[in-house]
Amino acid sequence: MTEYVTLEHGRIACDVVGDGPLVVLSHGMGTRRQEFRHLVGPLVAAGHRVVNADMRGHGESSLDWPSVTGKSAISRTDVARDLLGVIRHFGGPAVIVGHSLSGGSATIAAAEAPELVSAIVEIDPFTLTQSLHVGALLSDRRHRRAMVELIGTQLLKSPRLWFRYLEGVAYPTAPADQDRYLNGLREHLREPGRWAEFMKTGATTPADAHARIGDIRCPALVLFGAQDPDFADPAAEARRVVDAMPLGLGELALIDGGGHYPHAQYADRVAELMIPFLARHTARPAADSVSN
C-alpha cells in the first residue's frame, strides 16, 4: 500500500517494508519506484527497513513542485531535500541509495545533513558534470545510440525515443518481467502532467552535486554497470566519482554485463555488494543489540 510523506510543497509517495536500520531508495529520471522492485526484497531479508520513494513529479508523488533553481526544473538539490524530508519523517539516520540523477542527490543530502545520512550508495550516478567524448561516439555504437536517444528525448520531448533507449540499449539483458514493467511505465507517463515532470529533470545538470561531493563525510559505495551505455567508459566514470570524494570514503564495484539499471537486471549481484556495506555502516536499534 502506498504511503505518503507530506513535505512543505508536495507529497512524496513511497512503499515502506521491513524492520531495522533505515534505507531509502530513490530512482532516476523518467521512471518510478518500481525500478527497484527486485532489490527491495533482499534488503528487507537482510534486516533493513526499506523506504522506496517516488521522485517528486514521478510515480505517485505530487506534481508541480517549486525548484531551488527558480525555474521549471527538477534538480539534484530539489530531490536531495525531498529525501532528507523523508528521512526526518521516518526517523533517521538512513542510508540513501540513489540511481542516476538521484546518485547526485544522495551526495548533496549527505553533504547538507550528515547527521541524517549514515552512508550513501550511488548506482550509475550522474553526480559529476559531463562532457561529450567524440572518440567514444565514433567508435562505440551503444554509447552513440544512447546519447542520440537520451539527448533526442529531451530536445524533441519524445516518448518514442525514451522507450527506444529503455528497450534497446539501457539494459544489455532484460529482467523476466521487463515487458510488464515498461508497459506500466508507458501508461504512467501518459497520465496528465507526468511527461512534463520528466522533462523538468533535463533542465538542470549535475553541477550542484559536483560542487558538494568533496563535502561528504560518510562512507560511499559507487556501483556501475560495466556496460552502461550512458558513459563513454563506465569504469573510468566510477573511478572519477570515487576520486572526487574525500580520501578513503568511497569504494567502487562494477557489475559485469550491467547496463544503466543493474539493480533491475541483476538485483542479486547488487544486493551481494550492498548488504555487507550496509552492515558495516548502519547501526542496529539499541533494543536489537540488547536482545542479541
C-alpha atoms as a PDB file:
ATOM      1  CA  MET A   1       0.000   0.000   0.000  1.00  0.00           C
ATOM      2  CA  THR A   2       1.346   3.411  -0.972  1.00  0.00           C
ATOM      3  CA  GLU A   3       2.222   5.732   1.890  1.00  0.00           C
ATOM      4  CA  TYR A   4       2.668   9.478   1.518  1.00  0.00           C
ATOM      5  CA  VAL A   5       5.111  11.839   3.177  1.00  0.00           C
ATOM      6  CA  THR A   6       3.791  15.394   3.201  1.00  0.00           C
ATOM      7  CA  LEU A   7       6.510  17.999   2.800  1.00  0.00           C
ATOM      8  CA  GLU A   8       6.259  21.774   2.520  1.00  0.00           C
ATOM      9  CA  HIS A   9       5.412  21.892  -1.186  1.00  0.00           C
ATOM     10  CA  GLY A  10       4.004  18.471  -2.017  1.00  0.00           C
ATOM     11  CA  ARG A  11       3.739  14.784  -1.221  1.00  0.00           C
ATOM     12  CA  ILE A  12       6.274  12.011  -1.784  1.00  0.00           C
ATOM     13  CA  ALA A  13       4.786   8.567  -2.431  1.00  0.00           C
ATOM     14  CA  CYS A  14       6.605   5.511  -1.151  1.00  0.00           C
ATOM     15  CA  ASP A  15       6.414   1.879  -0.118  1.00  0.00           C
ATOM     16  CA  VAL A  16       7.662   1.034   3.376  1.00  0.00           C
ATOM     17  CA  VAL A  17       8.668  -2.555   4.110  1.00  0.00           C
ATOM     18  CA  GLY A  18      10.637  -4.346   6.823  1.00  0.00           C
ATOM     19  CA  ASP A  19      12.225  -3.540  10.150  1.00  0.00           C
ATOM     20  CA  GLY A  20      15.707  -2.441  11.128  1.00  0.00           C
ATOM     21  CA  PRO A  21      18.095   0.305  10.052  1.00  0.00           C
ATOM     22  CA  LEU A  22      16.538   2.670   7.527  1.00  0.00           C
ATOM     23  CA  VAL A  23      17.425   2.506   3.823  1.00  0.00           C
ATOM     24  CA  VAL A  24      15.824   4.995   1.426  1.00  0.00           C
ATOM     25  CA  LEU A  25      15.754   4.147  -2.284  1.00  0.00           C
ATOM     26  CA  SER A  26      15.490   6.897  -4.919  1.00  0.00           C
ATOM     27  CA  HIS A  27      15.155   6.126  -8.622  1.00  0.00           C
ATOM     28  CA  GLY A  28      16.368   8.050 -11.661  1.00  0.00           C
ATOM     29  CA  MET A  29      14.623  10.388 -14.076  1.00  0.00           C
ATOM     30  CA  GLY A  30      11.707   9.288 -16.194  1.00  0.00           C
ATOM     31  CA  THR A  31      10.887   6.143 -14.228  1.00  0.00           C
ATOM     32  CA  ARG A  32       9.250   5.405 -10.866  1.00  0.00           C
ATOM     33  CA  ARG A  33       9.916   3.480  -7.679  1.00  0.00           C
ATOM     34  CA  GLN A  34       9.141   0.116  -9.317  1.00  0.00           C
ATOM     35  CA  GLU A  35      12.613   0.419 -10.826  1.00  0.00           C
ATOM     36  CA  PHE A  36      13.839  -1.071  -7.500  1.00  0.00           C
ATOM     37  CA  ARG A  37      11.234  -3.849  -7.458  1.00  0.00           C
ATOM     38  CA  HIS A  38      13.812  -6.654  -7.400  1.00  0.00           C
ATOM     39  CA  LEU A  39      16.129  -5.091  -4.802  1.00  0.00           C
ATOM     40  CA  VAL A  40      13.656  -4.351  -2.004  1.00  0.00           C
ATOM     41  CA  GLY A  41      13.164  -7.997  -1.003  1.00  0.00           C
ATOM     42  CA  PRO A  42      16.845  -8.850  -0.488  1.00  0.00           C
ATOM     43  CA  LEU A  43      17.362  -5.680   1.582  1.00  0.00           C
ATOM     44  CA  VAL A  44      14.363  -6.465   3.786  1.00  0.00           C
ATOM     45  CA  ALA A  45      15.544 -10.072   4.183  1.00  0.00           C
ATOM     46  CA  ALA A  46      18.907  -8.720   5.330  1.00  0.00           C
ATOM     47  CA  GLY A  47      17.183  -6.863   8.189  1.00  0.00           C
ATOM     48  CA  HIS A  48      16.518  -3.371   6.882  1.00  0.00           C
ATOM     49  CA  ARG A  49      13.513  -1.089   6.886  1.00  0.00           C
ATOM     50  CA  VAL A  50      13.251  -0.017   3.250  1.00  0.00           C
ATOM     51  CA  VAL A  51      11.504   3.135   2.059  1.00  0.00           C
ATOM     52  CA  ASN A  52      11.199   3.011  -1.733  1.00  0.00           C
ATOM     53  CA  ALA A  53      10.267   6.547  -2.781  1.00  0.00           C
ATOM     54  CA  ASP A  54       8.967   8.123  -5.969  1.00  0.00           C
ATOM     55  CA  MET A  55      10.885  11.214  -7.040  1.00  0.00           C
ATOM     56  CA  ARG A  56       8.928  14.474  -6.969  1.00  0.00           C
ATOM     57  CA  GLY A  57       6.664  14.665 -10.009  1.00  0.00           C
ATOM     58  CA  HIS A  58       7.180  10.958 -10.739  1.00  0.00           C
ATOM     59  CA  GLY A  59       5.204   7.834  -9.882  1.00  0.00           C
ATOM     60  CA  GLU A  60       2.500   8.686  -7.379  1.00  0.00           C
ATOM     61  CA  SER A  61       4.277  11.742  -5.942  1.00  0.00           C
ATOM     62  CA  SER A  62       2.567  15.066  -6.469  1.00  0.00           C
ATOM     63  CA  LEU A  63       3.159  17.381  -9.425  1.00  0.00           C
ATOM     64  CA  ASP A  64       4.348  20.975  -9.827  1.00  0.00           C
ATOM     65  CA  TRP A  65       6.865  21.444  -7.043  1.00  0.00           C
ATOM     66  CA  PRO A  66       8.816  24.713  -6.864  1.00  0.00           C
ATOM     67  CA  SER A  67      12.523  24.287  -7.579  1.00  0.00           C
ATOM     68  CA  VAL A  68      15.542  25.754  -5.818  1.00  0.00           C
ATOM     69  CA  THR A  69      16.708  26.830  -9.285  1.00  0.00           C
ATOM     70  CA  GLY A  70      13.827  29.277  -9.524  1.00  0.00           C
ATOM     71  CA  LYS A  71      12.670  27.803 -12.845  1.00  0.00           C
ATOM     72  CA  SER A  72      10.610  24.876 -14.056  1.00  0.00           C
ATOM     73  CA  ALA A  73      13.121  22.164 -13.229  1.00  0.00           C
ATOM     74  CA  ILE A  74      13.860  19.171 -11.037  1.00  0.00           C
ATOM     75  CA  SER A  75      17.410  19.428  -9.780  1.00  0.00           C
ATOM     76  CA  ARG A  76      19.517  17.070  -7.727  1.00  0.00           C
ATOM     77  CA  THR A  77      19.304  19.571  -4.877  1.00  0.00           C
ATOM     78  CA  ASP A  78      15.496  19.512  -5.052  1.00  0.00           C
ATOM     79  CA  VAL A  79      15.460  15.717  -4.819  1.00  0.00           C
ATOM     80  CA  ALA A  80      18.100  15.727  -2.053  1.00  0.00           C
ATOM     81  CA  ARG A  81      15.963  17.973   0.134  1.00  0.00           C
ATOM     82  CA  ASP A  82      12.917  15.802  -0.505  1.00  0.00           C
ATOM     83  CA  LEU A  83      14.921  12.750   0.586  1.00  0.00           C
ATOM     84  CA  LEU A  84      16.012  14.492   3.770  1.00  0.00           C
ATOM     85  CA  GLY A  85      12.367  15.271   4.473  1.00  0.00           C
ATOM     86  CA  VAL A  86      11.506  11.612   4.001  1.00  0.00           C
ATOM     87  CA  ILE A  87      14.300  10.561   6.379  1.00  0.00           C
ATOM     88  CA  ARG A  88      13.106  13.011   9.030  1.00  0.00           C
ATOM     89  CA  HIS A  89       9.573  11.661   8.681  1.00  0.00           C
ATOM     90  CA  PHE A  90      10.608   8.038   9.219  1.00  0.00           C
ATOM     91  CA  GLY A  91      13.281   8.770  11.825  1.00  0.00           C
ATOM     92  CA  GLY A  92      16.854   8.766  10.568  1.00  0.00           C
ATOM     93  CA  PRO A  93      19.641   8.391  10.120  1.00  0.00           C
ATOM     94  CA  ALA A  94      19.395   6.417   6.899  1.00  0.00           C
ATOM     95  CA  VAL A  95      21.443   5.096   4.042  1.00  0.00           C
ATOM     96  CA  ILE A  96      20.370   6.701   0.771  1.00  0.00           C
ATOM     97  CA  VAL A  97      20.540   4.546  -2.338  1.00  0.00           C
ATOM     98  CA  GLY A  98      20.314   6.809  -5.371  1.00  0.00           C
ATOM     99  CA  HIS A  99      20.276   5.819  -9.023  1.00  0.00           C
ATOM    100  CA  SER A 100      21.387   8.066 -11.894  1.00  0.00           C
ATOM    101  CA  LEU A 101      20.124  11.615 -11.128  1.00  0.00           C
ATOM    102  CA  SER A 102      19.390  10.531  -7.560  1.00  0.00           C
ATOM    103  CA  GLY A 103      23.009   9.450  -7.129  1.00  0.00           C
ATOM    104  CA  GLY A 104      23.879  13.135  -7.245  1.00  0.00           C
ATOM    105  CA  SER A 105      21.009  13.823  -4.862  1.00  0.00           C
ATOM    106  CA  ALA A 106      22.417  11.318  -2.368  1.00  0.00           C
ATOM    107  CA  THR A 107      25.715  13.216  -2.482  1.00  0.00           C
ATOM    108  CA  ILE A 108      24.029  16.552  -1.787  1.00  0.00           C
ATOM    109  CA  ALA A 109      21.869  15.146   1.017  1.00  0.00           C
ATOM    110  CA  ALA A 110      24.920  13.644   2.729  1.00  0.00           C
ATOM    111  CA  ALA A 111      26.783  16.938   2.470  1.00  0.00           C
ATOM    112  CA  GLU A 112      23.856  19.054   3.689  1.00  0.00           C
ATOM    113  CA  ALA A 113      22.721  16.904   6.631  1.00  0.00           C
ATOM    114  CA  PRO A 114      25.457  14.493   7.767  1.00  0.00           C
ATOM    115  CA  GLU A 115      23.519  13.742  10.952  1.00  0.00           C
ATOM    116  CA  LEU A 116      20.718  12.220   8.851  1.00  0.00           C
ATOM    117  CA  VAL A 117      22.771  10.239   6.326  1.00  0.00           C
ATOM    118  CA  SER A 118      24.931   7.425   7.644  1.00  0.00           C
ATOM    119  CA  ALA A 119      26.119   6.257   4.213  1.00  0.00           C
ATOM    120  CA  ILE A 120      25.262   6.554   0.541  1.00  0.00           C
ATOM    121  CA  VAL A 121      25.099   4.096  -2.333  1.00  0.00           C
ATOM    122  CA  GLU A 122      25.262   5.616  -5.812  1.00  0.00           C
ATOM    123  CA  ILE A 123      24.204   3.370  -8.701  1.00  0.00           C
ATOM    124  CA  ASP A 124      25.358   4.523 -12.160  1.00  0.00           C
ATOM    125  CA  PRO A 125      25.189   8.105 -10.891  1.00  0.00           C
ATOM    126  CA  PHE A 126      25.224  11.348 -12.788  1.00  0.00           C
ATOM    127  CA  THR A 127      26.990  13.084  -9.914  1.00  0.00           C
ATOM    128  CA  LEU A 128      29.768  14.861 -11.805  1.00  0.00           C
ATOM    129  CA  THR A 129      29.476  17.269 -14.724  1.00  0.00           C
ATOM    130  CA  GLN A 130      29.803  15.569 -18.087  1.00  0.00           C
ATOM    131  CA  SER A 131      31.339  16.263 -21.467  1.00  0.00           C
ATOM    132  CA  LEU A 132      30.851  14.506 -24.783  1.00  0.00           C
ATOM    133  CA  HIS A 133      33.599  12.050 -25.732  1.00  0.00           C
ATOM    134  CA  VAL A 134      33.860  12.352 -29.502  1.00  0.00           C
ATOM    135  CA  GLY A 135      36.112   9.321 -29.840  1.00  0.00           C
ATOM    136  CA  ALA A 136      33.666   7.095 -27.988  1.00  0.00           C
ATOM    137  CA  LEU A 137      30.747   8.438 -30.008  1.00  0.00           C
ATOM    138  CA  LEU A 138      32.549   7.438 -33.182  1.00  0.00           C
ATOM    139  CA  SER A 139      33.811   4.052 -32.015  1.00  0.00           C
ATOM    140  CA  ASP A 140      31.142   2.751 -29.623  1.00  0.00           C
ATOM    141  CA  ARG A 141      27.765   2.135 -31.271  1.00  0.00           C
ATOM    142  CA  ARG A 142      25.912   1.515 -27.984  1.00  0.00           C
ATOM    143  CA  HIS A 143      27.174   4.744 -26.448  1.00  0.00           C
ATOM    144  CA  ARG A 144      26.407   6.678 -29.631  1.00  0.00           C
ATOM    145  CA  ARG A 145      22.892   5.300 -29.775  1.00  0.00           C
ATOM    146  CA  ALA A 146      22.276   6.031 -26.087  1.00  0.00           C
ATOM    147  CA  MET A 147      23.405   9.643 -26.481  1.00  0.00           C
ATOM    148  CA  VAL A 148      21.255  10.181 -29.573  1.00  0.00           C
ATOM    149  CA  GLU A 149      18.186   8.763 -27.852  1.00  0.00           C
ATOM    150  CA  LEU A 150      18.719  10.473 -24.492  1.00  0.00           C
ATOM    151  CA  ILE A 151      19.512  13.875 -25.966  1.00  0.00           C
ATOM    152  CA  GLY A 152      16.715  13.470 -28.505  1.00  0.00           C
ATOM    153  CA  THR A 153      14.247  12.595 -25.748  1.00  0.00           C
ATOM    154  CA  GLN A 154      14.892  15.936 -24.084  1.00  0.00           C
ATOM    155  CA  LEU A 155      15.265  18.142 -27.172  1.00  0.00           C
ATOM    156  CA  LEU A 156      12.282  16.665 -29.023  1.00  0.00           C
ATOM    157  CA  LYS A 157      10.242  15.790 -25.907  1.00  0.00           C
ATOM    158  CA  SER A 158       9.861  12.372 -27.467  1.00  0.00           C
ATOM    159  CA  PRO A 159       8.382   9.374 -25.601  1.00  0.00           C
ATOM    160  CA  ARG A 160       9.264   7.229 -28.604  1.00  0.00           C
ATOM    161  CA  LEU A 161      12.993   7.950 -28.178  1.00  0.00           C
ATOM    162  CA  TRP A 162      12.826   7.419 -24.417  1.00  0.00           C
ATOM    163  CA  PHE A 163      11.397   3.948 -24.819  1.00  0.00           C
ATOM    164  CA  ARG A 164      13.784   3.150 -27.667  1.00  0.00           C
ATOM    165  CA  TYR A 165      16.557   3.900 -25.171  1.00  0.00           C
ATOM    166  CA  LEU A 166      14.998   1.750 -22.426  1.00  0.00           C
ATOM    167  CA  GLU A 167      14.215  -1.136 -24.761  1.00  0.00           C
ATOM    168  CA  GLY A 168      17.297  -1.017 -26.948  1.00  0.00           C
ATOM    169  CA  VAL A 169      20.445  -0.035 -25.057  1.00  0.00           C
ATOM    170  CA  ALA A 170      19.863   0.750 -21.378  1.00  0.00           C
ATOM    171  CA  TYR A 171      19.532  -2.953 -20.491  1.00  0.00           C
ATOM    172  CA  PRO A 172      22.060  -5.256 -22.208  1.00  0.00           C
ATOM    173  CA  THR A 173      19.873  -8.063 -20.862  1.00  0.00           C
ATOM    174  CA  ALA A 174      16.372  -7.571 -19.505  1.00  0.00           C
ATOM    175  CA  PRO A 175      14.754  -8.982 -16.355  1.00  0.00           C
ATOM    176  CA  ALA A 176      11.990 -11.514 -16.947  1.00  0.00           C
ATOM    177  CA  ASP A 177       9.229  -9.035 -16.115  1.00  0.00           C
ATOM    178  CA  GLN A 178      10.598  -6.221 -18.274  1.00  0.00           C
ATOM    179  CA  ASP A 179       7.702  -6.054 -20.745  1.00  0.00           C
ATOM    180  CA  ARG A 180       5.176  -5.692 -17.934  1.00  0.00           C
ATOM    181  CA  TYR A 181       7.348  -3.078 -16.224  1.00  0.00           C
ATOM    182  CA  LEU A 182       7.771  -0.980 -19.381  1.00  0.00           C
ATOM    183  CA  ASN A 183       4.086  -1.244 -20.282  1.00  0.00           C
ATOM    184  CA  GLY A 184       3.222   0.060 -16.836  1.00  0.00           C
ATOM    185  CA  LEU A 185       5.719   2.893 -17.225  1.00  0.00           C
ATOM    186  CA  ARG A 186       4.218   3.831 -20.608  1.00  0.00           C
ATOM    187  CA  GLU A 187       0.772   4.074 -19.073  1.00  0.00           C
ATOM    188  CA  HIS A 188       2.130   6.115 -16.198  1.00  0.00           C
ATOM    189  CA  LEU A 189       3.898   8.632 -18.452  1.00  0.00           C
ATOM    190  CA  ARG A 190       0.651   9.139 -20.370  1.00  0.00           C
ATOM    191  CA  GLU A 191      -1.026  10.448 -17.222  1.00  0.00           C
ATOM    192  CA  PRO A 192      -1.659  14.208 -17.358  1.00  0.00           C
ATOM    193  CA  GLY A 193       1.413  16.142 -16.269  1.00  0.00           C
ATOM    194  CA  ARG A 194       3.771  13.187 -15.855  1.00  0.00           C
ATOM    195  CA  TRP A 195       5.745  13.590 -19.082  1.00  0.00           C
ATOM    196  CA  ALA A 196       6.182  17.303 -18.377  1.00  0.00           C
ATOM    197  CA  GLU A 197       7.624  16.453 -14.953  1.00  0.00           C
ATOM    198  CA  PHE A 198      10.114  14.063 -16.540  1.00  0.00           C
ATOM    199  CA  MET A 199      11.186  16.824 -18.926  1.00  0.00           C
ATOM    200  CA  LYS A 200      11.983  19.049 -15.931  1.00  0.00           C
ATOM    201  CA  THR A 201      14.836  16.711 -14.987  1.00  0.00           C
ATOM    202  CA  GLY A 202      16.646  17.698 -18.184  1.00  0.00           C
ATOM    203  CA  ALA A 203      16.559  21.391 -17.266  1.00  0.00           C
ATOM    204  CA  THR A 204      19.441  21.013 -14.806  1.00  0.00           C
ATOM    205  CA  THR A 205      22.918  19.474 -14.778  1.00  0.00           C
ATOM    206  CA  PRO A 206      24.969  17.621 -12.119  1.00  0.00           C
ATOM    207  CA  ALA A 207      26.862  20.828 -11.319  1.00  0.00           C
ATOM    208  CA  ASP A 208      25.194  21.155  -7.907  1.00  0.00           C
ATOM    209  CA  ALA A 209      26.217  17.624  -6.913  1.00  0.00           C
ATOM    210  CA  HIS A 210      29.708  18.057  -8.347  1.00  0.00           C
ATOM    211  CA  ALA A 211      30.135  21.143  -6.160  1.00  0.00           C
ATOM    212  CA  ARG A 212      29.222  19.230  -2.965  1.00  0.00           C
ATOM    213  CA  ILE A 213      30.913  15.866  -3.452  1.00  0.00           C
ATOM    214  CA  GLY A 214      34.028  16.975  -1.598  1.00  0.00           C
ATOM    215  CA  ASP A 215      31.882  17.881   1.423  1.00  0.00           C
ATOM    216  CA  ILE A 216      30.520  14.429   2.221  1.00  0.00           C
ATOM    217  CA  ARG A 217      31.663  12.842   5.491  1.00  0.00           C
ATOM    218  CA  CYS A 218      30.035   9.424   5.279  1.00  0.00           C
ATOM    219  CA  PRO A 219      31.106   6.194   3.538  1.00  0.00           C
ATOM    220  CA  ALA A 220      30.004   5.787  -0.060  1.00  0.00           C
ATOM    221  CA  LEU A 221      29.616   2.772  -2.328  1.00  0.00           C
ATOM    222  CA  VAL A 222      29.639   3.543  -6.055  1.00  0.00           C
ATOM    223  CA  LEU A 223      28.187   0.788  -8.263  1.00  0.00           C
ATOM    224  CA  PHE A 224      28.287   0.848 -12.047  1.00  0.00           C
ATOM    225  CA  GLY A 225      27.058  -1.465 -14.737  1.00  0.00           C
ATOM    226  CA  ALA A 226      30.193  -2.326 -16.674  1.00  0.00           C
ATOM    227  CA  GLN A 227      28.260  -1.874 -19.932  1.00  0.00           C
ATOM    228  CA  ASP A 228      26.377   1.292 -19.023  1.00  0.00           C
ATOM    229  CA  PRO A 229      25.897   2.975 -22.429  1.00  0.00           C
ATOM    230  CA  ASP A 230      25.354   6.395 -20.862  1.00  0.00           C
ATOM    231  CA  PHE A 231      29.083   6.754 -20.234  1.00  0.00           C
ATOM    232  CA  ALA A 232      31.977   6.509 -22.664  1.00  0.00           C
ATOM    233  CA  ASP A 233      33.902   4.459 -20.073  1.00  0.00           C
ATOM    234  CA  PRO A 234      31.779   3.338 -17.094  1.00  0.00           C
ATOM    235  CA  ALA A 235      34.775   2.062 -15.101  1.00  0.00           C
ATOM    236  CA  ALA A 236      36.592   5.367 -15.562  1.00  0.00           C
ATOM    237  CA  GLU A 237      33.479   7.319 -14.529  1.00  0.00           C
ATOM    238  CA  ALA A 238      33.126   5.180 -11.402  1.00  0.00           C
ATOM    239  CA  ARG A 239      36.733   5.912 -10.501  1.00  0.00           C
ATOM    240  CA  ARG A 240      36.233   9.611 -11.214  1.00  0.00           C
ATOM    241  CA  VAL A 241      33.307   9.739  -8.769  1.00  0.00           C
ATOM    242  CA  VAL A 242      35.250   7.946  -6.022  1.00  0.00           C
ATOM    243  CA  ASP A 243      38.325  10.105  -6.590  1.00  0.00           C
ATOM    244  CA  ALA A 244      36.236  13.260  -6.196  1.00  0.00           C
ATOM    245  CA  MET A 245      35.162  12.162  -2.710  1.00  0.00           C
ATOM    246  CA  PRO A 246      37.283  12.832   0.368  1.00  0.00           C
ATOM    247  CA  LEU A 247      40.099  10.303   0.575  1.00  0.00           C
ATOM    248  CA  GLY A 248      39.090   6.928   1.957  1.00  0.00           C
ATOM    249  CA  LEU A 249      35.310   7.416   1.923  1.00  0.00           C
ATOM    250  CA  GLY A 250      34.454   5.920  -1.440  1.00  0.00           C
ATOM    251  CA  GLU A 251      34.652   2.387  -2.758  1.00  0.00           C
ATOM    252  CA  LEU A 252      33.555   1.150  -6.150  1.00  0.00           C
ATOM    253  CA  ALA A 253      32.326  -2.009  -7.794  1.00  0.00           C
ATOM    254  CA  LEU A 254      31.392  -2.939 -11.354  1.00  0.00           C
ATOM    255  CA  ILE A 255      28.523  -5.240 -12.284  1.00  0.00           C
ATOM    256  CA  ASP A 256      29.615  -7.398 -15.233  1.00  0.00           C
ATOM    257  CA  GLY A 257      27.051  -7.238 -18.010  1.00  0.00           C
ATOM    258  CA  GLY A 258      25.132  -4.475 -16.275  1.00  0.00           C
ATOM    259  CA  GLY A 259      23.759  -1.512 -18.182  1.00  0.00           C
ATOM    260  CA  HIS A 260      22.353   1.687 -16.718  1.00  0.00           C
ATOM    261  CA  TYR A 261      19.919  -0.248 -14.474  1.00  0.00           C
ATOM    262  CA  PRO A 262      21.982  -3.050 -12.896  1.00  0.00           C
ATOM    263  CA  HIS A 263      19.713  -3.124  -9.829  1.00  0.00           C
ATOM    264  CA  ALA A 264      16.835  -4.200 -12.096  1.00  0.00           C
ATOM    265  CA  GLN A 265      18.926  -6.535 -14.252  1.00  0.00           C
ATOM    266  CA  TYR A 266      20.954  -8.189 -11.521  1.00  0.00           C
ATOM    267  CA  ALA A 267      19.387  -7.367  -8.173  1.00  0.00           C
ATOM    268  CA  ASP A 268      21.027 -10.405  -6.582  1.00  0.00           C
ATOM    269  CA  ARG A 269      24.517  -9.230  -7.532  1.00  0.00           C
ATOM    270  CA  VAL A 270      23.813  -5.661  -6.445  1.00  0.00           C
ATOM    271  CA  ALA A 271      22.432  -6.923  -3.120  1.00  0.00           C
ATOM    272  CA  GLU A 272      25.531  -9.076  -2.563  1.00  0.00           C
ATOM    273  CA  LEU A 273      27.647  -5.933  -2.821  1.00  0.00           C
ATOM    274  CA  MET A 274      25.319  -3.635  -0.900  1.00  0.00           C
ATOM    275  CA  ILE A 275      24.390  -5.776   2.091  1.00  0.00           C
ATOM    276  CA  PRO A 276      27.925  -6.121   3.566  1.00  0.00           C
ATOM    277  CA  PHE A 277      28.425  -2.382   3.009  1.00  0.00           C
ATOM    278  CA  LEU A 278      25.164  -1.643   4.841  1.00  0.00           C
ATOM    279  CA  ALA A 279      26.153  -3.992   7.675  1.00  0.00           C
ATOM    280  CA  ARG A 280      29.358  -2.016   8.191  1.00  0.00           C
ATOM    281  CA  HIS A 281      27.758   1.403   8.073  1.00  0.00           C
ATOM    282  CA  THR A 282      24.351   1.139   9.766  1.00  0.00           C
ATOM    283  CA  ALA A 283      23.627   0.831  13.456  1.00  0.00           C
ATOM    284  CA  ARG A 284      21.006  -1.536  14.845  1.00  0.00           C
ATOM    285  CA  PRO A 285      18.475  -0.085  17.287  1.00  0.00           C
ATOM    286  CA  ALA A 286      19.510  -0.404  20.923  1.00  0.00           C
ATOM    287  CA  ALA A 287      16.730  -2.918  21.665  1.00  0.00           C
ATOM    288  CA  ASP A 288      18.085  -5.248  18.964  1.00  0.00           C
ATOM    289  CA  SER A 289      21.561  -5.039  20.464  1.00  0.00           C
ATOM    290  CA  VAL A 290      20.269  -5.989  23.917  1.00  0.00           C
ATOM    291  CA  SER A 291      18.140  -8.868  22.662  1.00  0.00           C
ATOM    292  CA  ASN A 292      21.085 -10.261  20.739  1.00  0.00           C
END
